[in-house]
Amino acid sequence: MRRARQVSALLFGLVIVLNAAVVGCRAAEAPVATDPVVVHTASGTVRGLVAEGHRLFAGIPYAAPPVGSLRFAAPEPAASWPGERDATRPGPRCVQDPDADLEHGDNSGEDCLTLNVWTPPVGKDLRPVMVWIHGGGFVNGSSDVYDASRLASRGDIVVVTVNYRLGTLGFLAHPALEAPGEVGNYGIADQQAALRWVRDNIAAFGGDPQRVTLAGESAGGTSVCDHLVAPGSAGLFDAVVLMSAPCQVQADLPTAEQRSVAYAAEAGCPDPASAGDCLRALPVDRLRKPVWYFNIGSDQMTTPVTGTAMLPRAPLRSLGEAPDVPVLIGTTRDEFTLFVALRYLRQDQRFTPEEYPELLRQTFGADADAVGAHYPLERYGGAAQAYSAAVTDSAFSCVAEQMADELPGTVYAYEFADRDAPAPEVMRTLPFPVGASHSLELRYLFDVGGAPPLNPRQQALADQMIGYWSQFVRTGDPAAEDQPEWPAYSASESSGRQWMSLRPDGSRMASDFGEEHQCPFWVGLKEK
């Protein structure tokens, strides 16, 4: 159970709300709501909406628009507003990678630092809070994709979904922008600002600022890893959820600076002396193309930058210094099939057997032959499947096992293993199965659309997952009543390295995760 904390006073505009964190059976009391759709925040009053089983307050600014002199700068507090602000619609998406933006830039822009708050119906007691950081490779995605109404209503928790700066606007590390060592990571700074907003305002929405779980998937999960070791994030959360988080992808500062200088020159700002002013003055359309720092497989990524004031060290090198907080960590069974599918559909790459050796060479370099021997085509049924399995294991599954082994807090590990999970229609036309691919577990927790409905057994799994996740947010332990037992992970015990296998035919604990994903092989390659 989480430690009860001392009484704290939180100021919301002109209204002072006293929240008591009480030891024993009585929880902290929520502020009395005279109108469930009206909430008073530190910046002003918002009017949301009430729906069946939940309330929603959308598009709330948590920081000032990062435009003009605030482009490529740390976020500033949001300005106050008079009267009531309409909080029934989400705000604009942050600027996206145009090559992967399905909405072709619609409803996107620099003035995007907003968040959405999903709450259960008004109650007497403050509810625990989950702050959700979206994925999208740090170049795409937005908070409004994740309808958290089921988590709020069935899980009885408050969920906050956050926008943050992406791509070049979020992570450019040109040395002219700030003092050395402080460039880049504006998107991570935005997330910190959102966490401070939650600390200062969430009680007005019925959330408990003393019980905040930071959660994310993919790039969102990587962000959570960053916050575990970022000095400025200390004390802003007391549990984490890491879903499909490739926490090894950060760029080092010299690499990021070199690529940022080249990016700026191509964008029309080649002079190092004037590049800062030049970049801030450019039309935003000149900055929509992301700056690329890292590759997973042969897929490029924008990433946070280490060796900076925000991230002095890479998370995987400093897990032992992370706070001792409960951790829920997991992956999907077939992570990388999504990325292979996208290359097949967008780039017309066929993944023939003849291409397989070159794929491995491009991805694994001198280790390509060893990888090919461990991932032979005949075992996996084709080049797409074999290549997907190799990158799934090396970049996702075995990274997650390393983190489960090294994180100081109590760890609960899972693998989403529904290999018939509904996928978007275009992914069902492929000549190879996508299985339990990257991101397909999200619709079991959120209403995200874009795929066929869950069948009855999958809906039961979704209900079970909502029960596990919300129980973890409440207590730091996913163990839920009338559900399969979920013991903590332990790397120090021969029987303790168990993962919950989440599956529609019956979730159960499994002890062969590392062997199934060939983690001893990948550990051996790293140690060569």
Protein backbone atom coordinates (compact mmCIF):
# COMPACT_ATOMS: atom_id res chain seq x y z
CA MET A 1 0.00 0.00 0.00
CA ARG A 2 1.13 3.52 -0.60
CA ARG A 3 2.31 5.61 2.31
CA ALA A 4 -0.22 8.14 3.62
CA ARG A 5 1.07 11.68 3.45
CA GLN A 6 0.66 14.74 5.62
CA VAL A 7 -2.17 17.21 5.18
CA SER A 8 -1.54 19.66 2.35
CA ALA A 9 -3.28 22.86 1.25
CA LEU A 10 -3.81 23.53 -2.45
CA LEU A 11 -4.75 26.97 -3.80
CA PHE A 12 -7.10 27.12 -6.82
CA GLY A 13 -7.50 30.74 -7.91
CA LEU A 14 -9.39 32.45 -5.06
CA VAL A 15 -10.72 29.16 -3.69
CA ILE A 16 -8.69 27.26 -1.09
CA VAL A 17 -9.45 23.56 -0.95
CA LEU A 18 -8.14 21.54 1.99
CA ASN A 19 -7.49 17.88 1.18
CA ALA A 20 -6.82 15.56 4.09
CA ALA A 21 -4.71 12.46 3.49
CA VAL A 22 -5.96 10.33 6.37
CA VAL A 23 -4.38 7.14 7.68
CA GLY A 24 -6.96 4.41 8.05
CA CYS A 25 -10.16 3.52 6.22
CA ARG A 26 -11.29 7.07 5.39
CA ALA A 27 -9.91 8.49 2.13
CA ALA A 28 -9.16 12.12 1.36
CA GLU A 29 -12.40 13.99 0.71
CA ALA A 30 -13.16 15.63 -2.61
CA PRO A 31 -14.22 19.28 -2.80
CA VAL A 32 -17.97 19.78 -2.74
CA ALA A 33 -19.24 20.22 -6.33
CA THR A 34 -22.26 22.47 -6.75
CA ASP A 35 -22.30 21.89 -10.52
CA PRO A 36 -20.58 18.73 -11.80
CA VAL A 37 -19.67 20.30 -15.16
CA VAL A 38 -17.93 23.37 -13.68
CA VAL A 39 -14.48 23.22 -12.09
CA HIS A 40 -12.27 26.04 -10.83
CA THR A 41 -8.56 25.68 -11.70
CA ALA A 42 -5.61 27.90 -10.84
CA SER A 43 -5.93 29.63 -14.24
CA GLY A 44 -9.69 29.95 -14.39
CA THR A 45 -13.01 28.15 -14.55
CA VAL A 46 -13.71 25.36 -17.03
CA ARG A 47 -17.04 23.93 -18.11
CA GLY A 48 -16.92 20.30 -19.24
CA LEU A 49 -19.62 17.73 -19.87
CA VAL A 50 -21.30 14.86 -18.07
CA ALA A 51 -21.89 11.58 -19.89
CA GLU A 52 -23.01 8.15 -18.78
CA GLY A 53 -20.67 7.00 -16.03
CA HIS A 54 -18.10 9.78 -16.36
CA ARG A 55 -17.26 13.45 -16.74
CA LEU A 56 -14.89 14.98 -19.32
CA PHE A 57 -13.00 18.26 -19.23
CA ALA A 58 -11.07 18.64 -22.49
CA GLY A 59 -8.61 21.06 -24.05
CA ILE A 60 -7.44 22.64 -20.79
CA PRO A 61 -4.21 24.65 -21.20
CA TYR A 62 -1.52 23.53 -18.76
CA ALA A 63 1.17 25.85 -20.20
CA ALA A 64 1.44 28.94 -22.36
CA PRO A 65 1.45 28.49 -26.16
CA PRO A 66 5.09 27.68 -27.11
CA VAL A 67 5.21 30.21 -29.93
CA GLY A 68 7.40 33.19 -30.78
CA SER A 69 10.15 33.52 -28.19
CA LEU A 70 8.80 30.41 -26.41
CA ARG A 71 9.46 28.18 -29.41
CA PHE A 72 12.40 25.92 -28.39
CA ALA A 73 12.09 27.07 -24.78
CA ALA A 74 10.90 25.56 -21.51
CA PRO A 75 7.11 25.83 -21.09
CA GLU A 76 5.75 28.83 -19.21
CA PRO A 77 2.62 28.80 -17.01
CA ALA A 78 -0.70 29.19 -18.80
CA ALA A 79 -2.27 32.65 -18.65
CA SER A 80 -5.46 33.12 -16.66
CA TRP A 81 -8.77 33.58 -18.45
CA PRO A 82 -11.94 35.39 -17.42
CA GLY A 83 -15.33 33.73 -17.14
CA GLU A 84 -15.85 30.07 -18.06
CA ARG A 85 -13.69 28.30 -20.62
CA ASP A 86 -15.37 25.73 -22.86
CA ALA A 87 -13.82 22.37 -21.97
CA THR A 88 -16.03 20.10 -24.03
CA ARG A 89 -13.62 19.62 -26.97
CA PRO A 90 -9.93 18.63 -27.09
CA GLY A 91 -7.37 21.19 -28.17
CA PRO A 92 -5.29 21.07 -31.37
CA ARG A 93 -2.77 18.31 -31.87
CA CYS A 94 0.88 19.25 -31.69
CA VAL A 95 2.66 19.57 -35.05
CA GLN A 96 3.02 16.09 -36.60
CA ASP A 97 5.34 14.31 -39.00
CA PRO A 98 3.62 15.07 -42.34
CA ASP A 99 4.66 11.75 -43.87
CA ALA A 100 2.73 9.78 -41.24
CA ASP A 101 -0.09 12.17 -40.34
CA LEU A 102 -3.36 10.57 -41.38
CA GLU A 103 -5.14 13.91 -40.86
CA HIS A 104 -2.71 15.78 -43.14
CA GLY A 105 -2.03 18.55 -40.66
CA ASP A 106 -5.69 19.26 -39.82
CA ASN A 107 -6.37 20.45 -36.28
CA SER A 108 -2.68 20.72 -35.47
CA GLY A 109 -0.41 23.59 -34.59
CA GLU A 110 2.09 24.99 -32.12
CA ASP A 111 -0.53 26.17 -29.62
CA CYS A 112 -1.16 22.64 -28.43
CA LEU A 113 -0.15 22.33 -24.76
CA THR A 114 -3.48 21.14 -23.43
CA LEU A 115 -4.75 18.14 -21.52
CA ASN A 116 -7.99 16.26 -20.98
CA VAL A 117 -9.38 15.08 -17.64
CA TRP A 118 -11.68 12.04 -17.45
CA THR A 119 -13.33 11.48 -14.07
CA PRO A 120 -15.93 9.17 -12.55
CA PRO A 121 -19.16 10.81 -11.39
CA VAL A 122 -18.73 13.25 -8.52
CA GLY A 123 -18.06 11.41 -5.27
CA LYS A 124 -17.16 12.15 -1.68
CA ASP A 125 -13.59 10.85 -1.78
CA LEU A 126 -10.64 11.84 -3.96
CA ARG A 127 -9.83 9.20 -6.59
CA PRO A 128 -6.35 8.07 -7.59
CA VAL A 129 -5.00 9.56 -10.82
CA MET A 130 -3.37 8.10 -13.93
CA VAL A 131 -1.52 10.58 -16.18
CA TRP A 132 -1.29 9.13 -19.71
CA ILE A 133 1.56 10.03 -22.10
CA HIS A 134 0.69 9.06 -25.68
CA GLY A 135 2.98 7.23 -28.09
CA GLY A 136 3.78 7.91 -31.74
CA GLY A 137 7.57 7.79 -32.00
CA PHE A 138 7.84 11.34 -30.60
CA VAL A 139 6.63 12.62 -33.99
CA ASN A 140 2.91 11.76 -34.07
CA GLY A 141 -0.04 11.15 -31.77
CA SER A 142 -2.22 13.24 -29.49
CA SER A 143 -4.14 13.09 -26.23
CA ASP A 144 -7.58 13.06 -27.83
CA VAL A 145 -7.05 9.61 -29.41
CA TYR A 146 -7.43 7.97 -25.99
CA ASP A 147 -11.04 7.93 -24.81
CA ALA A 148 -10.58 7.00 -21.14
CA SER A 149 -14.26 6.83 -20.24
CA ARG A 150 -14.15 3.09 -19.46
CA LEU A 151 -11.11 3.46 -17.21
CA ALA A 152 -12.76 6.34 -15.39
CA SER A 153 -16.20 4.77 -14.97
CA ARG A 154 -15.32 1.08 -14.48
CA GLY A 155 -11.95 1.62 -12.87
CA ASP A 156 -13.12 4.47 -10.62
CA ILE A 157 -9.98 6.50 -11.31
CA VAL A 158 -9.23 9.93 -12.77
CA VAL A 159 -7.34 9.82 -16.09
CA VAL A 160 -5.42 12.77 -17.54
CA THR A 161 -4.27 12.57 -21.19
CA VAL A 162 -1.59 15.03 -22.28
CA ASN A 163 -0.38 16.71 -25.48
CA TYR A 164 3.33 17.56 -25.70
CA ARG A 165 5.60 19.02 -28.38
CA LEU A 166 6.76 16.49 -30.98
CA GLY A 167 9.43 16.08 -33.61
CA THR A 168 11.65 19.06 -34.33
CA LEU A 169 9.65 21.46 -32.17
CA GLY A 170 9.90 19.08 -29.22
CA PHE A 171 13.46 17.77 -29.45
CA LEU A 172 15.73 19.87 -31.70
CA ALA A 173 19.12 20.12 -29.98
CA HIS A 174 20.82 22.95 -31.84
CA PRO A 175 23.49 24.49 -29.56
CA ALA A 176 22.35 28.01 -30.49
CA LEU A 177 18.98 27.52 -28.84
CA GLU A 178 20.10 27.37 -25.22
CA ALA A 179 23.19 27.13 -23.04
CA PRO A 180 25.26 23.98 -23.67
CA GLY A 181 23.81 20.93 -21.95
CA GLU A 182 20.26 22.30 -21.86
CA VAL A 183 19.17 21.91 -25.48
CA GLY A 184 16.34 19.67 -26.68
CA ASN A 185 13.83 17.76 -24.56
CA TYR A 186 11.16 20.46 -24.78
CA GLY A 187 8.58 17.69 -25.10
CA ILE A 188 9.77 16.09 -21.86
CA ALA A 189 9.68 19.52 -20.19
CA ASP A 190 6.07 19.86 -21.37
CA GLN A 191 5.20 16.56 -19.70
CA GLN A 192 6.78 17.78 -16.47
CA ALA A 193 4.69 20.95 -16.67
CA ALA A 194 1.56 18.80 -17.09
CA LEU A 195 2.52 16.78 -14.00
CA ARG A 196 2.92 19.99 -12.01
CA TRP A 197 -0.51 21.10 -13.26
CA VAL A 198 -1.94 17.81 -12.00
CA ARG A 199 -0.27 18.31 -8.63
CA ASP A 200 -1.74 21.78 -8.29
CA ASN A 201 -5.21 21.34 -9.84
CA ILE A 202 -6.42 17.75 -9.91
CA ALA A 203 -8.12 17.81 -6.51
CA ALA A 204 -10.67 20.25 -7.95
CA PHE A 205 -11.66 17.47 -10.39
CA GLY A 206 -11.95 14.88 -7.63
CA GLY A 207 -8.43 13.46 -8.13
CA ASP A 208 -5.94 12.79 -5.36
CA PRO A 209 -2.63 14.64 -5.99
CA GLN A 210 -0.96 12.31 -3.49
CA ARG A 211 -1.71 9.22 -5.62
CA VAL A 212 -0.50 9.86 -9.17
CA THR A 213 0.57 7.07 -11.52
CA LEU A 214 2.52 8.10 -14.64
CA ALA A 215 1.73 5.80 -17.57
CA GLY A 216 2.54 5.60 -21.26
CA GLU A 217 2.89 3.32 -24.26
CA SER A 218 5.66 3.22 -26.89
CA ALA A 219 7.21 6.71 -27.00
CA GLY A 220 4.94 7.51 -24.06
CA GLY A 221 6.46 4.59 -22.16
CA THR A 222 9.95 5.77 -23.09
CA SER A 223 8.96 9.17 -21.71
CA VAL A 224 7.98 7.50 -18.43
CA CYS A 225 11.45 5.89 -18.32
CA ASP A 226 12.96 9.33 -18.79
CA HIS A 227 10.93 10.75 -15.91
CA LEU A 228 12.12 7.95 -13.65
CA VAL A 229 15.66 9.36 -13.87
CA ALA A 230 15.02 13.05 -14.72
CA PRO A 231 15.90 15.25 -11.73
CA GLY A 232 13.07 17.68 -12.48
CA SER A 233 10.45 14.92 -12.34
CA ALA A 234 11.23 13.81 -8.79
CA GLY A 235 8.19 13.79 -6.54
CA LEU A 236 5.63 14.35 -9.31
CA PHE A 237 4.34 10.73 -9.34
CA ASP A 238 4.44 7.70 -7.07
CA ALA A 239 3.96 4.74 -9.46
CA VAL A 240 4.58 4.06 -13.16
CA VAL A 241 3.15 1.98 -16.00
CA LEU A 242 5.57 1.15 -18.84
CA MET A 243 3.84 -0.32 -21.90
CA SER A 244 5.91 -1.40 -24.93
CA ALA A 245 8.60 1.08 -23.94
CA PRO A 246 11.89 0.96 -25.89
CA CYS A 247 13.74 2.81 -23.15
CA GLN A 248 17.12 2.52 -24.89
CA VAL A 249 16.36 4.93 -27.74
CA GLN A 250 17.60 8.25 -26.36
CA ALA A 251 20.20 10.12 -28.41
CA ASP A 252 23.45 11.36 -26.85
CA LEU A 253 24.00 15.11 -26.97
CA PRO A 254 26.88 15.17 -29.52
CA THR A 255 24.86 13.10 -32.00
CA ALA A 256 21.74 15.19 -31.47
CA GLU A 257 23.62 18.46 -31.84
CA GLN A 258 25.32 17.33 -35.03
CA ARG A 259 22.07 16.27 -36.65
CA SER A 260 20.28 19.39 -35.40
CA VAL A 261 22.89 21.69 -36.93
CA ALA A 262 22.52 19.87 -40.26
CA TYR A 263 18.72 20.06 -39.97
CA ALA A 264 18.83 23.81 -39.28
CA ALA A 265 21.07 24.43 -42.28
CA GLU A 266 18.70 22.53 -44.55
CA ALA A 267 15.75 24.48 -43.14
CA GLY A 268 17.45 27.77 -44.03
CA CYS A 269 19.36 28.61 -40.84
CA PRO A 270 23.01 27.66 -41.57
CA ASP A 271 24.78 30.41 -39.57
CA PRO A 272 25.53 29.11 -36.03
CA ALA A 273 25.61 32.64 -34.63
CA SER A 274 22.10 33.52 -35.74
CA ALA A 275 20.52 30.06 -35.91
CA GLY A 276 18.50 30.46 -32.70
CA ASP A 277 16.67 33.60 -33.85
CA CYS A 278 16.37 32.18 -37.36
CA LEU A 279 14.75 28.93 -36.21
CA ARG A 280 12.27 30.76 -34.00
CA ALA A 281 11.30 33.03 -36.89
CA LEU A 282 10.70 30.28 -39.47
CA PRO A 283 7.14 29.51 -40.56
CA VAL A 284 6.04 26.39 -38.73
CA ASP A 285 5.57 24.49 -42.00
CA ARG A 286 9.37 24.61 -42.44
CA LEU A 287 9.72 22.64 -39.20
CA ARG A 288 7.11 19.91 -39.66
CA LYS A 289 9.63 17.39 -40.96
CA PRO A 290 11.16 15.69 -37.87
CA VAL A 291 14.81 15.64 -36.95
CA TRP A 292 15.93 11.99 -36.78
CA TYR A 293 18.25 10.69 -34.05
CA PHE A 294 17.77 6.94 -33.60
CA ASN A 295 16.77 3.76 -35.44
CA ILE A 296 14.77 0.77 -34.21
CA GLY A 297 15.31 -1.82 -36.87
CA SER A 298 15.45 0.40 -39.93
CA ASP A 299 12.72 2.74 -38.66
CA GLN A 300 13.87 6.27 -37.82
CA MET A 301 12.87 8.02 -34.60
CA THR A 302 13.04 11.42 -32.99
CA THR A 303 14.02 10.88 -29.35
CA PRO A 304 14.85 12.66 -26.11
CA VAL A 305 18.48 13.68 -25.62
CA THR A 306 20.80 12.56 -22.83
CA GLY A 307 23.85 14.35 -21.46
CA THR A 308 21.60 17.36 -20.85
CA ALA A 309 20.27 19.13 -17.78
CA MET A 310 16.94 17.39 -18.31
CA LEU A 311 18.44 13.89 -18.76
CA PRO A 312 22.00 13.76 -17.41
CA ARG A 313 22.23 10.00 -18.03
CA ALA A 314 20.44 7.46 -20.23
CA PRO A 315 17.69 5.65 -18.29
CA LEU A 316 18.97 2.13 -18.95
CA ARG A 317 22.33 3.13 -17.48
CA SER A 318 20.81 4.55 -14.31
CA LEU A 319 17.83 2.34 -13.46
CA GLY A 320 19.29 1.66 -10.03
CA GLU A 321 18.99 5.39 -9.29
CA ALA A 322 15.27 5.47 -10.15
CA PRO A 323 12.85 6.09 -7.28
CA ASP A 324 11.58 3.08 -5.37
CA VAL A 325 8.02 3.17 -6.75
CA PRO A 326 5.71 0.36 -7.91
CA VAL A 327 6.12 -0.52 -11.60
CA LEU A 328 3.71 -2.21 -14.02
CA ILE A 329 5.73 -3.14 -17.10
CA GLY A 330 4.96 -5.14 -20.21
CA THR A 331 5.08 -5.71 -23.94
CA THR A 332 2.98 -7.26 -26.67
CA ARG A 333 3.87 -10.70 -28.00
CA ASP A 334 4.62 -9.50 -31.58
CA GLU A 335 5.69 -5.86 -31.17
CA PHE A 336 7.53 -5.21 -34.42
CA THR A 337 5.01 -6.69 -36.85
CA LEU A 338 3.28 -3.30 -36.87
CA PHE A 339 6.38 -1.58 -38.26
CA VAL A 340 7.01 -4.31 -40.80
CA ALA A 341 3.39 -4.00 -41.90
CA LEU A 342 3.74 -0.23 -42.33
CA ARG A 343 6.84 -0.67 -44.49
CA TYR A 344 5.03 -3.28 -46.57
CA LEU A 345 2.03 -0.97 -47.06
CA ARG A 346 3.76 2.42 -47.40
CA GLN A 347 7.09 1.56 -48.97
CA ASP A 348 6.05 -1.53 -50.90
CA GLN A 349 8.79 -3.60 -49.26
CA ARG A 350 8.01 -7.27 -49.86
CA PHE A 351 10.26 -8.94 -47.24
CA THR A 352 11.27 -11.80 -49.52
CA PRO A 353 13.59 -14.59 -48.34
CA GLU A 354 16.28 -13.18 -50.62
CA GLU A 355 16.09 -9.80 -48.81
CA TYR A 356 16.38 -11.32 -45.33
CA PRO A 357 20.21 -11.40 -45.01
CA GLU A 358 20.45 -7.75 -46.09
CA LEU A 359 17.70 -6.74 -43.65
CA LEU A 360 19.64 -8.36 -40.85
CA ARG A 361 22.89 -6.73 -41.96
CA GLN A 362 21.33 -3.27 -42.09
CA THR A 363 19.83 -3.74 -38.64
CA PHE A 364 22.38 -5.80 -36.71
CA GLY A 365 25.63 -5.14 -38.59
CA ALA A 366 28.40 -7.57 -37.71
CA ASP A 367 25.98 -9.68 -35.65
CA ALA A 368 23.70 -10.37 -38.64
CA ASP A 369 24.86 -13.97 -39.17
CA ALA A 370 24.41 -14.84 -35.50
CA VAL A 371 20.94 -13.30 -35.49
CA GLY A 372 20.01 -15.18 -38.67
CA ALA A 373 21.07 -18.46 -37.08
CA HIS A 374 18.80 -17.80 -34.08
CA TYR A 375 15.90 -16.57 -36.24
CA PRO A 376 15.85 -18.89 -39.26
CA LEU A 377 13.15 -18.38 -41.88
CA GLU A 378 11.85 -21.93 -41.60
CA ARG A 379 11.09 -21.51 -37.89
CA TYR A 380 9.06 -18.35 -38.36
CA GLY A 381 7.37 -18.93 -41.70
CA GLY A 382 8.92 -16.12 -43.73
CA ALA A 383 11.21 -13.11 -43.72
CA ALA A 384 8.59 -10.68 -42.39
CA GLN A 385 7.87 -12.90 -39.39
CA ALA A 386 11.51 -13.78 -38.67
CA TYR A 387 12.68 -10.17 -38.94
CA SER A 388 9.77 -9.00 -36.77
CA ALA A 389 10.60 -11.58 -34.12
CA ALA A 390 14.27 -10.58 -34.02
CA VAL A 391 13.55 -6.88 -33.57
CA THR A 392 10.67 -7.57 -31.15
CA ASP A 393 13.00 -9.54 -28.92
CA SER A 394 16.06 -7.29 -29.15
CA ALA A 395 14.36 -3.87 -28.96
CA PHE A 396 11.29 -4.53 -26.81
CA SER A 397 10.94 -7.83 -24.95
CA CYS A 398 14.48 -8.23 -23.65
CA VAL A 399 14.78 -4.53 -22.84
CA ALA A 400 11.64 -4.92 -20.72
CA GLU A 401 13.15 -7.95 -18.98
CA GLN A 402 16.32 -5.98 -18.22
CA MET A 403 14.25 -3.18 -16.70
CA ALA A 404 12.20 -5.65 -14.66
CA ASP A 405 15.45 -7.10 -13.34
CA GLU A 406 17.04 -3.75 -12.42
CA LEU A 407 14.29 -1.35 -11.30
CA PRO A 408 14.39 -0.87 -7.52
CA GLY A 409 10.63 -0.75 -6.95
CA THR A 410 8.19 -3.64 -6.76
CA VAL A 411 7.64 -4.81 -10.34
CA TYR A 412 4.63 -6.50 -11.94
CA ALA A 413 5.33 -7.78 -15.46
CA TYR A 414 2.93 -8.74 -18.26
CA GLU A 415 2.82 -9.74 -21.91
CA PHE A 416 -0.25 -9.00 -24.02
CA ALA A 417 -0.63 -12.27 -25.92
CA ASP A 418 -3.91 -12.06 -27.86
CA ARG A 419 -2.56 -12.94 -31.31
CA ASP A 420 -6.05 -12.50 -32.77
CA ALA A 421 -6.41 -8.94 -31.47
CA PRO A 422 -8.52 -6.83 -33.85
CA ALA A 423 -6.35 -4.78 -36.19
CA PRO A 424 -7.28 -2.00 -38.64
CA GLU A 425 -8.67 -3.35 -41.90
CA VAL A 426 -5.59 -2.48 -43.96
CA MET A 427 -3.44 -4.64 -41.69
CA ARG A 428 -5.75 -7.59 -42.27
CA THR A 429 -4.87 -7.63 -45.99
CA LEU A 430 -1.20 -8.54 -45.43
CA PRO A 431 0.30 -11.86 -46.56
CA PHE A 432 1.64 -12.44 -43.03
CA PRO A 433 -0.08 -12.28 -39.63
CA VAL A 434 0.47 -9.28 -37.35
CA GLY A 435 -0.51 -11.19 -34.21
CA ALA A 436 -0.35 -9.29 -30.91
CA SER A 437 1.31 -6.31 -32.55
CA HIS A 438 2.59 -3.06 -31.09
CA SER A 439 -0.31 -0.84 -29.91
CA LEU A 440 -3.11 -3.39 -30.43
CA GLU A 441 -3.56 -3.76 -26.66
CA LEU A 442 -4.53 -0.11 -26.31
CA ARG A 443 -8.13 -0.60 -27.39
CA TYR A 444 -8.56 -3.08 -24.53
CA LEU A 445 -8.02 -0.14 -22.15
CA PHE A 446 -9.20 2.85 -24.18
CA ASP A 447 -11.83 3.44 -26.85
CA VAL A 448 -9.52 4.24 -29.76
CA GLY A 449 -11.54 3.08 -32.77
CA GLY A 450 -10.20 2.05 -36.17
CA ALA A 451 -10.63 -1.72 -35.83
CA PRO A 452 -13.43 -4.29 -35.62
CA PRO A 453 -15.14 -4.69 -32.24
CA LEU A 454 -13.83 -7.08 -29.64
CA ASN A 455 -15.48 -10.47 -29.50
CA PRO A 456 -17.00 -11.60 -26.17
CA ARG A 457 -13.83 -13.29 -24.91
CA GLN A 458 -11.72 -10.29 -25.90
CA GLN A 459 -14.19 -7.98 -24.18
CA ALA A 460 -13.80 -10.08 -21.05
CA LEU A 461 -10.03 -9.66 -21.36
CA ALA A 462 -10.48 -5.90 -21.77
CA ASP A 463 -12.59 -5.77 -18.60
CA GLN A 464 -9.93 -7.80 -16.81
CA MET A 465 -7.15 -5.47 -17.97
CA ILE A 466 -9.10 -2.40 -16.88
CA GLY A 467 -9.49 -4.09 -13.50
CA TYR A 468 -5.76 -4.81 -13.25
CA TRP A 469 -4.63 -1.37 -14.43
CA SER A 470 -7.05 0.59 -12.23
CA GLN A 471 -6.24 -1.55 -9.19
CA PHE A 472 -2.56 -0.81 -9.75
CA VAL A 473 -3.33 2.91 -9.95
CA ARG A 474 -5.27 2.65 -6.69
CA THR A 475 -2.84 0.53 -4.68
CA GLY A 476 0.46 -0.04 -6.52
CA ASP A 477 -0.50 -3.72 -6.90
CA PRO A 478 -2.60 -5.04 -9.84
CA ALA A 479 -4.06 -7.93 -7.82
CA ALA A 480 -7.81 -7.67 -8.37
CA GLU A 481 -10.66 -9.53 -6.73
CA ASP A 482 -11.92 -12.59 -8.62
CA GLN A 483 -9.04 -12.38 -11.13
CA PRO A 484 -6.03 -14.68 -11.63
CA GLU A 485 -3.35 -14.01 -9.01
CA TRP A 486 -0.55 -11.72 -10.15
CA PRO A 487 2.55 -12.01 -7.93
CA ALA A 488 5.39 -9.52 -8.04
CA TYR A 489 8.34 -10.16 -10.35
CA SER A 490 11.61 -11.14 -8.70
CA ALA A 491 14.90 -11.52 -10.56
CA SER A 492 16.56 -12.90 -7.41
CA GLU A 493 14.43 -16.03 -7.22
CA SER A 494 14.52 -18.89 -9.72
CA SER A 495 10.72 -19.03 -9.68
CA GLY A 496 10.18 -15.28 -9.46
CA ARG A 497 10.73 -14.13 -13.05
CA GLN A 498 7.09 -14.59 -13.94
CA TRP A 499 5.05 -12.56 -16.40
CA MET A 500 1.28 -12.34 -16.55
CA SER A 501 0.25 -13.63 -19.98
CA LEU A 502 -2.88 -11.63 -20.87
CA ARG A 503 -4.99 -13.73 -23.22
CA PRO A 504 -8.67 -14.19 -24.06
CA ASP A 505 -8.54 -17.94 -23.40
CA GLY A 506 -7.53 -17.29 -19.79
CA SER A 507 -4.80 -15.03 -18.44
CA ARG A 508 -2.13 -16.83 -16.44
CA MET A 509 1.38 -16.50 -15.07
CA ALA A 510 4.23 -17.74 -17.30
CA SER A 511 7.88 -18.27 -16.44
CA ASP A 512 9.31 -18.77 -19.96
CA PHE A 513 9.19 -15.15 -21.19
CA GLY A 514 12.98 -14.74 -21.38
CA GLU A 515 13.50 -18.05 -23.13
CA GLU A 516 10.63 -17.49 -25.55
CA HIS A 517 12.18 -14.19 -26.62
CA GLN A 518 15.77 -15.52 -26.61
CA CYS A 519 16.95 -12.94 -24.08
CA PRO A 520 20.10 -14.89 -23.06
CA PHE A 521 21.22 -14.65 -26.70
CA TRP A 522 20.68 -10.88 -26.82
CA VAL A 523 22.39 -10.36 -23.47
CA GLY A 524 25.35 -12.31 -24.81
CA LEU A 525 25.56 -10.11 -27.91
CA LYS A 526 25.68 -6.97 -25.74
CA GLU A 527 28.45 -8.42 -23.62
CA LYS A 528 30.69 -9.32 -26.59
